[in-house]
Amino acid sequence: MKLATFTHAGATRIGVVDGDEIVDLSAAAPELPTEMVAFLEGGCEAMETARAASSGGPRIALADVRLEAPIARPPKFLAVGLNYADHVAESGMDTPEYPTIFNKQSTCVTGPNDPVHVPKASHVLDYEGELGFVIGRRGRHVSRDDAADYIAGYLVVNDATVRDWQFRIPTWTMGKSFDTHGPIGPWIVTSDEIRDPHRLDLRTYVNGELRQESNTKQLIFDCFTLVEHLSTAFTLEPGDIIATGTPSGVGILRKPPQLLKAGDVVRIEIEGIGEIENPIIDEPDDTAR
């Protein structure tokens, strides 16, 4: 299934995307939650109810809805640095012995087609196309062998980064967490539809120009290893998002650097999942409160 959060006729709820239509689960299965984290907390029973309801539920043309971030406020939004072999090579850094984990504040999350701001504080804005996965079961000390059972599905992430803020200090949270710098979507593709998350083509385009082209087989620490590693320290919860890292081709390392500016459009596509496409705009004045 492709699980989406969408807005139609002034109401936001969840649905199942089928081709160019979306099944409105609030009408097809009104007993289900209308918010994605609560839905995921329902586990297998909620998934099966949604799957059954989607076969005959009322449908809306996808063109007539607004796709929102599948999870508006993930309980945790974690990401991994230097996790593609080709990105390590272009950076000239050593291959990490352990995953480099950092936090993106959940308020950075925005939708699959929403604008991304060039912040007032800096113009050194970069793109990072990434595979993200969503936790579907609460778990601690999850073994790698069992990790797949804890992943609800996969989505596309742009780990947008303010490079000068990222490298001001050893921890990266500030440079990774500006508002609007976490576009995700376009939906969550459930794990049963992704045969192997570690064999997916990934491409990032800026204004139609191919900037990143790789495959998730380049991951140094794969999705299942990350579940094991993270759950050693803390409990993973339904709705947590883990962005697995970006491949080579980031703007800051191109010669000369090619950073984002207002008017650009970034499109990231991952095989078997879909694409997100976000216009880049200057941060509006009304963000000051």
C-alpha atoms as a PDB file:
ATOM      1  CA  MET A   1       0.000   0.000   0.000  1.00  0.00           C
ATOM      2  CA  LYS A   2       0.884   3.626  -0.459  1.00  0.00           C
ATOM      3  CA  LEU A   3      -0.273   5.400   2.704  1.00  0.00           C
ATOM      4  CA  ALA A   4      -0.724   9.142   2.325  1.00  0.00           C
ATOM      5  CA  THR A   5      -1.808  12.108   4.380  1.00  0.00           C
ATOM      6  CA  PHE A   6      -3.907  14.463   2.290  1.00  0.00           C
ATOM      7  CA  THR A   7      -6.159  17.485   2.486  1.00  0.00           C
ATOM      8  CA  HIS A   8      -9.430  17.698   0.567  1.00  0.00           C
ATOM      9  CA  ALA A   9     -12.466  19.933   1.096  1.00  0.00           C
ATOM     10  CA  GLY A  10     -10.788  21.592   4.051  1.00  0.00           C
ATOM     11  CA  ALA A  11     -10.117  18.391   6.023  1.00  0.00           C
ATOM     12  CA  THR A  12      -6.838  16.523   6.467  1.00  0.00           C
ATOM     13  CA  ARG A  13      -6.864  12.741   6.857  1.00  0.00           C
ATOM     14  CA  ILE A  14      -5.123   9.596   5.624  1.00  0.00           C
ATOM     15  CA  GLY A  15      -5.759   7.440   2.592  1.00  0.00           C
ATOM     16  CA  VAL A  16      -4.435   4.730   0.313  1.00  0.00           C
ATOM     17  CA  VAL A  17      -3.103   5.800  -3.072  1.00  0.00           C
ATOM     18  CA  ASP A  18      -4.092   3.580  -5.981  1.00  0.00           C
ATOM     19  CA  GLY A  19      -2.902   4.783  -9.370  1.00  0.00           C
ATOM     20  CA  ASP A  20      -4.205   8.296  -9.936  1.00  0.00           C
ATOM     21  CA  GLU A  21      -6.768   8.053  -7.136  1.00  0.00           C
ATOM     22  CA  ILE A  22      -6.757   8.009  -3.360  1.00  0.00           C
ATOM     23  CA  VAL A  23      -9.099   5.983  -1.166  1.00  0.00           C
ATOM     24  CA  ASP A  24     -10.360   8.142   1.691  1.00  0.00           C
ATOM     25  CA  LEU A  25      -9.963   5.906   4.759  1.00  0.00           C
ATOM     26  CA  SER A  26     -12.025   8.256   6.918  1.00  0.00           C
ATOM     27  CA  ALA A  27     -14.996   7.236   4.774  1.00  0.00           C
ATOM     28  CA  ALA A  28     -13.962   3.681   3.855  1.00  0.00           C
ATOM     29  CA  ALA A  29     -12.998   2.663   7.398  1.00  0.00           C
ATOM     30  CA  PRO A  30     -14.227   5.321   9.845  1.00  0.00           C
ATOM     31  CA  GLU A  31     -13.077   3.232  12.802  1.00  0.00           C
ATOM     32  CA  LEU A  32      -9.447   3.957  11.855  1.00  0.00           C
ATOM     33  CA  PRO A  33      -7.542   7.014  13.112  1.00  0.00           C
ATOM     34  CA  THR A  34      -7.301   9.886  10.657  1.00  0.00           C
ATOM     35  CA  GLU A  35      -3.717  10.779  11.656  1.00  0.00           C
ATOM     36  CA  MET A  36      -0.755   8.683  10.502  1.00  0.00           C
ATOM     37  CA  VAL A  37       1.122   8.100  13.781  1.00  0.00           C
ATOM     38  CA  ALA A  38      -2.063   6.966  15.515  1.00  0.00           C
ATOM     39  CA  PHE A  39      -2.776   4.725  12.540  1.00  0.00           C
ATOM     40  CA  LEU A  40       0.690   3.140  12.722  1.00  0.00           C
ATOM     41  CA  GLU A  41       0.233   2.573  16.440  1.00  0.00           C
ATOM     42  CA  GLY A  42      -2.702   0.345  15.452  1.00  0.00           C
ATOM     43  CA  GLY A  43      -0.209  -2.150  14.053  1.00  0.00           C
ATOM     44  CA  CYS A  44      -1.104  -5.084  11.822  1.00  0.00           C
ATOM     45  CA  GLU A  45      -4.806  -4.852  12.594  1.00  0.00           C
ATOM     46  CA  ALA A  46      -4.999  -1.265  11.328  1.00  0.00           C
ATOM     47  CA  MET A  47      -2.949  -2.173   8.250  1.00  0.00           C
ATOM     48  CA  GLU A  48      -5.249  -5.057   7.371  1.00  0.00           C
ATOM     49  CA  THR A  49      -8.351  -2.935   7.913  1.00  0.00           C
ATOM     50  CA  ALA A  50      -6.941  -0.281   5.573  1.00  0.00           C
ATOM     51  CA  ARG A  51      -5.971  -2.872   2.988  1.00  0.00           C
ATOM     52  CA  ALA A  52      -9.442  -4.398   2.976  1.00  0.00           C
ATOM     53  CA  ALA A  53     -11.179  -1.015   2.906  1.00  0.00           C
ATOM     54  CA  SER A  54      -9.054   0.259   0.042  1.00  0.00           C
ATOM     55  CA  SER A  55     -10.434  -2.304  -2.384  1.00  0.00           C
ATOM     56  CA  GLY A  56     -13.917  -0.790  -2.430  1.00  0.00           C
ATOM     57  CA  GLY A  57     -13.808   2.504  -0.561  1.00  0.00           C
ATOM     58  CA  PRO A  58     -14.769   5.917  -1.954  1.00  0.00           C
ATOM     59  CA  ARG A  59     -12.070   7.432  -4.151  1.00  0.00           C
ATOM     60  CA  ILE A  60     -10.908  10.948  -4.952  1.00  0.00           C
ATOM     61  CA  ALA A  61      -8.767  11.922  -7.921  1.00  0.00           C
ATOM     62  CA  LEU A  62      -5.206  12.434  -6.736  1.00  0.00           C
ATOM     63  CA  ALA A  63      -5.098  15.630  -8.774  1.00  0.00           C
ATOM     64  CA  ASP A  64      -7.889  17.043  -6.589  1.00  0.00           C
ATOM     65  CA  VAL A  65      -6.136  16.618  -3.244  1.00  0.00           C
ATOM     66  CA  ARG A  66      -3.154  18.240  -1.582  1.00  0.00           C
ATOM     67  CA  LEU A  67      -0.575  15.715  -0.478  1.00  0.00           C
ATOM     68  CA  GLU A  68       0.814  16.583   2.941  1.00  0.00           C
ATOM     69  CA  ALA A  69       3.867  15.222   4.720  1.00  0.00           C
ATOM     70  CA  PRO A  70       2.849  11.610   5.475  1.00  0.00           C
ATOM     71  CA  ILE A  71       3.823  12.210   9.117  1.00  0.00           C
ATOM     72  CA  ALA A  72       3.454  15.852  10.101  1.00  0.00           C
ATOM     73  CA  ARG A  73       5.366  15.585  13.369  1.00  0.00           C
ATOM     74  CA  PRO A  74       7.352  12.366  13.687  1.00  0.00           C
ATOM     75  CA  PRO A  75       8.163  11.453  17.283  1.00  0.00           C
ATOM     76  CA  LYS A  76      11.821  11.270  16.218  1.00  0.00           C
ATOM     77  CA  PHE A  77      13.441  12.363  12.948  1.00  0.00           C
ATOM     78  CA  LEU A  78      16.922  10.873  12.815  1.00  0.00           C
ATOM     79  CA  ALA A  79      19.443  10.845  10.023  1.00  0.00           C
ATOM     80  CA  VAL A  80      22.813   9.337   9.159  1.00  0.00           C
ATOM     81  CA  GLY A  81      25.896  11.145   7.904  1.00  0.00           C
ATOM     82  CA  LEU A  82      28.483   9.740   5.488  1.00  0.00           C
ATOM     83  CA  ASN A  83      26.543   6.547   4.852  1.00  0.00           C
ATOM     84  CA  TYR A  84      27.123   6.021   1.108  1.00  0.00           C
ATOM     85  CA  ALA A  85      30.428   4.668  -0.135  1.00  0.00           C
ATOM     86  CA  ASP A  86      30.371   7.041  -3.124  1.00  0.00           C
ATOM     87  CA  HIS A  87      29.698  10.052  -0.855  1.00  0.00           C
ATOM     88  CA  VAL A  88      32.574   9.097   1.446  1.00  0.00           C
ATOM     89  CA  ALA A  89      34.817   8.913  -1.620  1.00  0.00           C
ATOM     90  CA  GLU A  90      33.811  12.378  -2.890  1.00  0.00           C
ATOM     91  CA  SER A  91      34.210  13.915   0.571  1.00  0.00           C
ATOM     92  CA  GLY A  92      37.741  12.545   1.024  1.00  0.00           C
ATOM     93  CA  MET A  93      36.869  11.418   4.552  1.00  0.00           C
ATOM     94  CA  ASP A  94      37.427   8.034   6.142  1.00  0.00           C
ATOM     95  CA  THR A  95      34.696   5.399   6.088  1.00  0.00           C
ATOM     96  CA  PRO A  96      33.014   5.596   9.509  1.00  0.00           C
ATOM     97  CA  GLU A  97      33.360   2.664  11.860  1.00  0.00           C
ATOM     98  CA  TYR A  98      29.954   3.355  13.404  1.00  0.00           C
ATOM     99  CA  PRO A  99      26.888   5.186  12.072  1.00  0.00           C
ATOM    100  CA  THR A 100      27.080   8.955  12.422  1.00  0.00           C
ATOM    101  CA  ILE A 101      23.644   9.764  13.841  1.00  0.00           C
ATOM    102  CA  PHE A 102      22.180  13.245  14.085  1.00  0.00           C
ATOM    103  CA  ASN A 103      18.785  14.723  14.817  1.00  0.00           C
ATOM    104  CA  LYS A 104      16.527  16.785  12.589  1.00  0.00           C
ATOM    105  CA  GLN A 105      13.962  18.670  14.634  1.00  0.00           C
ATOM    106  CA  SER A 106      10.446  17.550  13.752  1.00  0.00           C
ATOM    107  CA  THR A 107       9.407  21.149  13.005  1.00  0.00           C
ATOM    108  CA  CYS A 108      11.565  21.008   9.853  1.00  0.00           C
ATOM    109  CA  VAL A 109       9.110  18.563   8.249  1.00  0.00           C
ATOM    110  CA  THR A 110       7.212  19.778   5.224  1.00  0.00           C
ATOM    111  CA  GLY A 111       5.223  18.189   2.427  1.00  0.00           C
ATOM    112  CA  PRO A 112       6.349  16.512  -0.786  1.00  0.00           C
ATOM    113  CA  ASN A 113       5.577  19.549  -2.955  1.00  0.00           C
ATOM    114  CA  ASP A 114       5.886  22.386  -0.442  1.00  0.00           C
ATOM    115  CA  PRO A 115       8.417  25.238  -0.712  1.00  0.00           C
ATOM    116  CA  VAL A 116      11.804  24.974   0.962  1.00  0.00           C
ATOM    117  CA  HIS A 117      13.188  28.240   2.337  1.00  0.00           C
ATOM    118  CA  VAL A 118      16.577  29.779   1.733  1.00  0.00           C
ATOM    119  CA  PRO A 119      16.874  31.052   5.309  1.00  0.00           C
ATOM    120  CA  LYS A 120      17.469  34.658   6.246  1.00  0.00           C
ATOM    121  CA  ALA A 121      20.436  33.488   8.353  1.00  0.00           C
ATOM    122  CA  SER A 122      22.380  31.903   5.473  1.00  0.00           C
ATOM    123  CA  HIS A 123      22.388  31.330   1.719  1.00  0.00           C
ATOM    124  CA  VAL A 124      24.525  28.185   1.896  1.00  0.00           C
ATOM    125  CA  LEU A 125      21.625  25.785   1.276  1.00  0.00           C
ATOM    126  CA  ASP A 126      22.221  22.294  -0.119  1.00  0.00           C
ATOM    127  CA  TYR A 127      20.114  19.289  -1.133  1.00  0.00           C
ATOM    128  CA  GLU A 128      20.534  15.670  -0.014  1.00  0.00           C
ATOM    129  CA  GLY A 129      18.329  13.039  -1.637  1.00  0.00           C
ATOM    130  CA  GLU A 130      17.762  10.122   0.746  1.00  0.00           C
ATOM    131  CA  LEU A 131      15.808   6.953   1.361  1.00  0.00           C
ATOM    132  CA  GLY A 132      13.855   7.203   4.599  1.00  0.00           C
ATOM    133  CA  PHE A 133      12.124   4.468   6.540  1.00  0.00           C
ATOM    134  CA  VAL A 134       9.295   4.685   9.045  1.00  0.00           C
ATOM    135  CA  ILE A 135       9.087   2.667  12.241  1.00  0.00           C
ATOM    136  CA  GLY A 136       5.831   0.743  12.660  1.00  0.00           C
ATOM    137  CA  ARG A 137       6.372  -1.081  15.969  1.00  0.00           C
ATOM    138  CA  ARG A 138       7.669  -0.015  19.343  1.00  0.00           C
ATOM    139  CA  GLY A 139      10.977  -1.751  19.993  1.00  0.00           C
ATOM    140  CA  ARG A 140      14.164  -1.772  22.032  1.00  0.00           C
ATOM    141  CA  HIS A 141      17.218  -3.997  21.515  1.00  0.00           C
ATOM    142  CA  VAL A 142      15.943  -5.134  18.122  1.00  0.00           C
ATOM    143  CA  SER A 143      18.295  -7.546  16.380  1.00  0.00           C
ATOM    144  CA  ARG A 144      19.263  -6.999  12.765  1.00  0.00           C
ATOM    145  CA  ASP A 145      17.533 -10.269  11.873  1.00  0.00           C
ATOM    146  CA  ASP A 146      14.240  -8.966  13.295  1.00  0.00           C
ATOM    147  CA  ALA A 147      14.598  -5.363  12.145  1.00  0.00           C
ATOM    148  CA  ALA A 148      12.466  -5.678   8.997  1.00  0.00           C
ATOM    149  CA  ASP A 149       9.456  -6.505  11.185  1.00  0.00           C
ATOM    150  CA  TYR A 150       9.744  -3.073  12.841  1.00  0.00           C
ATOM    151  CA  ILE A 151       9.728  -1.053   9.617  1.00  0.00           C
ATOM    152  CA  ALA A 152       6.271   0.026   8.442  1.00  0.00           C
ATOM    153  CA  GLY A 153       7.462   1.372   5.119  1.00  0.00           C
ATOM    154  CA  TYR A 154       9.675   3.688   3.102  1.00  0.00           C
ATOM    155  CA  LEU A 155       9.533   7.239   1.752  1.00  0.00           C
ATOM    156  CA  VAL A 156      11.648   9.882   0.016  1.00  0.00           C
ATOM    157  CA  VAL A 157      13.508  12.485   2.087  1.00  0.00           C
ATOM    158  CA  ASN A 158      15.383  15.651   1.222  1.00  0.00           C
ATOM    159  CA  ASP A 159      17.794  16.226   4.099  1.00  0.00           C
ATOM    160  CA  ALA A 160      18.121  19.909   3.189  1.00  0.00           C
ATOM    161  CA  THR A 161      21.179  21.347   4.888  1.00  0.00           C
ATOM    162  CA  VAL A 162      22.537  24.788   5.719  1.00  0.00           C
ATOM    163  CA  ARG A 163      26.210  23.982   5.273  1.00  0.00           C
ATOM    164  CA  ASP A 164      27.847  26.855   7.153  1.00  0.00           C
ATOM    165  CA  TRP A 165      25.611  26.239  10.168  1.00  0.00           C
ATOM    166  CA  GLN A 166      26.215  22.494   9.909  1.00  0.00           C
ATOM    167  CA  PHE A 167      29.971  22.843  10.289  1.00  0.00           C
ATOM    168  CA  ARG A 168      30.129  25.674  12.822  1.00  0.00           C
ATOM    169  CA  ILE A 169      30.197  23.156  15.641  1.00  0.00           C
ATOM    170  CA  PRO A 170      30.763  19.374  15.895  1.00  0.00           C
ATOM    171  CA  THR A 171      27.053  18.557  16.247  1.00  0.00           C
ATOM    172  CA  TRP A 172      24.905  19.087  13.143  1.00  0.00           C
ATOM    173  CA  THR A 173      21.395  19.633  14.527  1.00  0.00           C
ATOM    174  CA  MET A 174      21.239  23.389  13.865  1.00  0.00           C
ATOM    175  CA  GLY A 175      22.355  23.131  10.252  1.00  0.00           C
ATOM    176  CA  LYS A 176      19.975  20.251   9.584  1.00  0.00           C
ATOM    177  CA  SER A 177      16.820  21.541  11.259  1.00  0.00           C
ATOM    178  CA  PHE A 178      15.802  24.885   9.778  1.00  0.00           C
ATOM    179  CA  ASP A 179      12.052  25.104   9.224  1.00  0.00           C
ATOM    180  CA  THR A 180      10.971  23.552   5.871  1.00  0.00           C
ATOM    181  CA  HIS A 181      14.267  21.655   5.555  1.00  0.00           C
ATOM    182  CA  GLY A 182      12.723  18.208   5.903  1.00  0.00           C
ATOM    183  CA  PRO A 183      10.524  17.513   2.869  1.00  0.00           C
ATOM    184  CA  ILE A 184       9.199  13.937   2.995  1.00  0.00           C
ATOM    185  CA  GLY A 185       6.790  11.848   0.981  1.00  0.00           C
ATOM    186  CA  PRO A 186       5.055  11.576  -1.297  1.00  0.00           C
ATOM    187  CA  TRP A 187       3.607   8.739   0.783  1.00  0.00           C
ATOM    188  CA  ILE A 188       4.739   5.726   2.814  1.00  0.00           C
ATOM    189  CA  VAL A 189       5.155   2.611   0.695  1.00  0.00           C
ATOM    190  CA  THR A 190       4.572  -0.335   3.018  1.00  0.00           C
ATOM    191  CA  SER A 191       7.408  -2.794   3.460  1.00  0.00           C
ATOM    192  CA  ASP A 192       5.615  -5.661   1.732  1.00  0.00           C
ATOM    193  CA  GLU A 193       5.810  -3.706  -1.548  1.00  0.00           C
ATOM    194  CA  ILE A 194       9.578  -3.121  -1.343  1.00  0.00           C
ATOM    195  CA  ARG A 195      11.278  -6.418  -2.116  1.00  0.00           C
ATOM    196  CA  ASP A 196      14.739  -5.176  -1.173  1.00  0.00           C
ATOM    197  CA  PRO A 197      15.248  -1.645   0.185  1.00  0.00           C
ATOM    198  CA  HIS A 198      18.953  -2.011  -0.489  1.00  0.00           C
ATOM    199  CA  ARG A 199      18.647  -2.273  -4.282  1.00  0.00           C
ATOM    200  CA  LEU A 200      16.796   0.937  -5.154  1.00  0.00           C
ATOM    201  CA  ASP A 201      17.909   3.570  -7.657  1.00  0.00           C
ATOM    202  CA  LEU A 202      17.979   7.128  -6.299  1.00  0.00           C
ATOM    203  CA  ARG A 203      18.215  10.321  -8.359  1.00  0.00           C
ATOM    204  CA  THR A 204      18.199  14.008  -7.452  1.00  0.00           C
ATOM    205  CA  TYR A 205      17.546  16.735 -10.022  1.00  0.00           C
ATOM    206  CA  VAL A 206      17.912  20.493  -9.677  1.00  0.00           C
ATOM    207  CA  ASN A 207      16.031  22.421 -12.369  1.00  0.00           C
ATOM    208  CA  GLY A 208      15.921  19.208 -14.394  1.00  0.00           C
ATOM    209  CA  GLU A 209      19.697  18.666 -14.194  1.00  0.00           C
ATOM    210  CA  LEU A 210      20.723  15.304 -12.737  1.00  0.00           C
ATOM    211  CA  ARG A 211      22.866  15.974  -9.654  1.00  0.00           C
ATOM    212  CA  GLN A 212      22.790  12.668  -7.748  1.00  0.00           C
ATOM    213  CA  GLU A 213      22.501   9.177  -9.225  1.00  0.00           C
ATOM    214  CA  SER A 214      23.180   6.156  -7.065  1.00  0.00           C
ATOM    215  CA  ASN A 215      21.663   3.011  -5.610  1.00  0.00           C
ATOM    216  CA  THR A 216      20.917   2.083  -2.015  1.00  0.00           C
ATOM    217  CA  LYS A 217      23.299  -0.877  -2.380  1.00  0.00           C
ATOM    218  CA  GLN A 218      25.947   1.813  -1.720  1.00  0.00           C
ATOM    219  CA  LEU A 219      24.744   2.163   1.882  1.00  0.00           C
ATOM    220  CA  ILE A 220      27.493   1.453   4.391  1.00  0.00           C
ATOM    221  CA  PHE A 221      25.039   0.835   7.246  1.00  0.00           C
ATOM    222  CA  ASP A 222      21.775  -0.490   5.808  1.00  0.00           C
ATOM    223  CA  CYS A 223      18.261   0.015   7.155  1.00  0.00           C
ATOM    224  CA  PHE A 224      18.249  -3.136   9.274  1.00  0.00           C
ATOM    225  CA  THR A 225      21.662  -2.401  10.784  1.00  0.00           C
ATOM    226  CA  LEU A 226      20.446   1.088  11.677  1.00  0.00           C
ATOM    227  CA  VAL A 227      17.382  -0.293  13.485  1.00  0.00           C
ATOM    228  CA  GLU A 228      19.639  -2.566  15.540  1.00  0.00           C
ATOM    229  CA  HIS A 229      22.110   0.225  16.281  1.00  0.00           C
ATOM    230  CA  LEU A 230      19.561   2.880  17.257  1.00  0.00           C
ATOM    231  CA  SER A 231      17.405   0.571  19.363  1.00  0.00           C
ATOM    232  CA  THR A 232      20.462  -0.332  21.442  1.00  0.00           C
ATOM    233  CA  ALA A 233      20.281   3.128  22.984  1.00  0.00           C
ATOM    234  CA  PHE A 234      16.616   4.110  22.903  1.00  0.00           C
ATOM    235  CA  THR A 235      13.149   2.879  22.140  1.00  0.00           C
ATOM    236  CA  LEU A 236      11.973   3.220  18.568  1.00  0.00           C
ATOM    237  CA  GLU A 237       8.317   4.186  18.260  1.00  0.00           C
ATOM    238  CA  PRO A 238       5.676   4.107  15.536  1.00  0.00           C
ATOM    239  CA  GLY A 239       6.083   7.139  13.304  1.00  0.00           C
ATOM    240  CA  ASP A 240       9.803   7.638  13.888  1.00  0.00           C
ATOM    241  CA  ILE A 241      11.582   8.483  10.623  1.00  0.00           C
ATOM    242  CA  ILE A 242      15.175   7.529   9.868  1.00  0.00           C
ATOM    243  CA  ALA A 243      16.821   9.123   6.831  1.00  0.00           C
ATOM    244  CA  THR A 244      19.576   6.769   5.724  1.00  0.00           C
ATOM    245  CA  GLY A 245      22.094   9.207   4.232  1.00  0.00           C
ATOM    246  CA  THR A 246      22.844  10.751   0.862  1.00  0.00           C
ATOM    247  CA  PRO A 247      24.990   9.573  -2.052  1.00  0.00           C
ATOM    248  CA  SER A 248      27.608  11.540  -3.978  1.00  0.00           C
ATOM    249  CA  GLY A 249      26.737  14.663  -5.931  1.00  0.00           C
ATOM    250  CA  VAL A 250      25.810  17.115  -3.171  1.00  0.00           C
ATOM    251  CA  GLY A 251      26.059  20.748  -4.222  1.00  0.00           C
ATOM    252  CA  ILE A 252      28.771  21.849  -1.801  1.00  0.00           C
ATOM    253  CA  LEU A 253      31.270  19.307  -3.184  1.00  0.00           C
ATOM    254  CA  ARG A 254      30.717  20.024  -6.864  1.00  0.00           C
ATOM    255  CA  LYS A 255      33.411  22.021  -8.627  1.00  0.00           C
ATOM    256  CA  PRO A 256      32.513  24.803  -8.427  1.00  0.00           C
ATOM    257  CA  PRO A 257      29.924  24.394  -5.639  1.00  0.00           C
ATOM    258  CA  GLN A 258      26.317  24.501  -6.855  1.00  0.00           C
ATOM    259  CA  LEU A 259      24.135  25.536  -3.940  1.00  0.00           C
ATOM    260  CA  LEU A 260      20.401  26.201  -3.990  1.00  0.00           C
ATOM    261  CA  LYS A 261      18.860  29.598  -4.599  1.00  0.00           C
ATOM    262  CA  ALA A 262      15.361  31.008  -4.837  1.00  0.00           C
ATOM    263  CA  GLY A 263      13.730  29.908  -8.075  1.00  0.00           C
ATOM    264  CA  ASP A 264      15.338  26.467  -8.125  1.00  0.00           C
ATOM    265  CA  VAL A 265      13.275  23.278  -8.059  1.00  0.00           C
ATOM    266  CA  VAL A 266      14.594  20.081  -6.460  1.00  0.00           C
ATOM    267  CA  ARG A 267      13.148  16.723  -7.460  1.00  0.00           C
ATOM    268  CA  ILE A 268      14.174  13.504  -5.737  1.00  0.00           C
ATOM    269  CA  GLU A 269      12.968  10.141  -6.976  1.00  0.00           C
ATOM    270  CA  ILE A 270      13.492   6.657  -5.594  1.00  0.00           C
ATOM    271  CA  GLU A 271      12.667   3.492  -7.482  1.00  0.00           C
ATOM    272  CA  GLY A 272       9.513   1.789  -6.226  1.00  0.00           C
ATOM    273  CA  ILE A 273       8.549   4.689  -3.967  1.00  0.00           C
ATOM    274  CA  GLY A 274       7.938   7.836  -5.983  1.00  0.00           C
ATOM    275  CA  GLU A 275       9.179  11.392  -6.034  1.00  0.00           C
ATOM    276  CA  ILE A 276       9.054  14.651  -4.121  1.00  0.00           C
ATOM    277  CA  GLU A 277       9.509  18.007  -5.850  1.00  0.00           C
ATOM    278  CA  ASN A 278      10.033  21.204  -3.897  1.00  0.00           C
ATOM    279  CA  PRO A 279      10.443  24.785  -5.121  1.00  0.00           C
ATOM    280  CA  ILE A 280      13.142  26.826  -3.405  1.00  0.00           C
ATOM    281  CA  ILE A 281      12.042  30.273  -2.202  1.00  0.00           C
ATOM    282  CA  ASP A 282      13.495  32.978   0.023  1.00  0.00           C
ATOM    283  CA  GLU A 283      12.293  32.738   3.603  1.00  0.00           C
ATOM    284  CA  PRO A 284       9.157  34.888   3.845  1.00  0.00           C
ATOM    285  CA  ASP A 285       9.061  37.854   6.198  1.00  0.00           C
ATOM    286  CA  ASP A 286       6.032  36.391   7.988  1.00  0.00           C
ATOM    287  CA  THR A 287       8.159  33.645   9.601  1.00  0.00           C
ATOM    288  CA  ALA A 288       9.300  36.213  12.191  1.00  0.00           C
ATOM    289  CA  ARG A 289       7.045  36.008  15.233  1.00  0.00           C
END
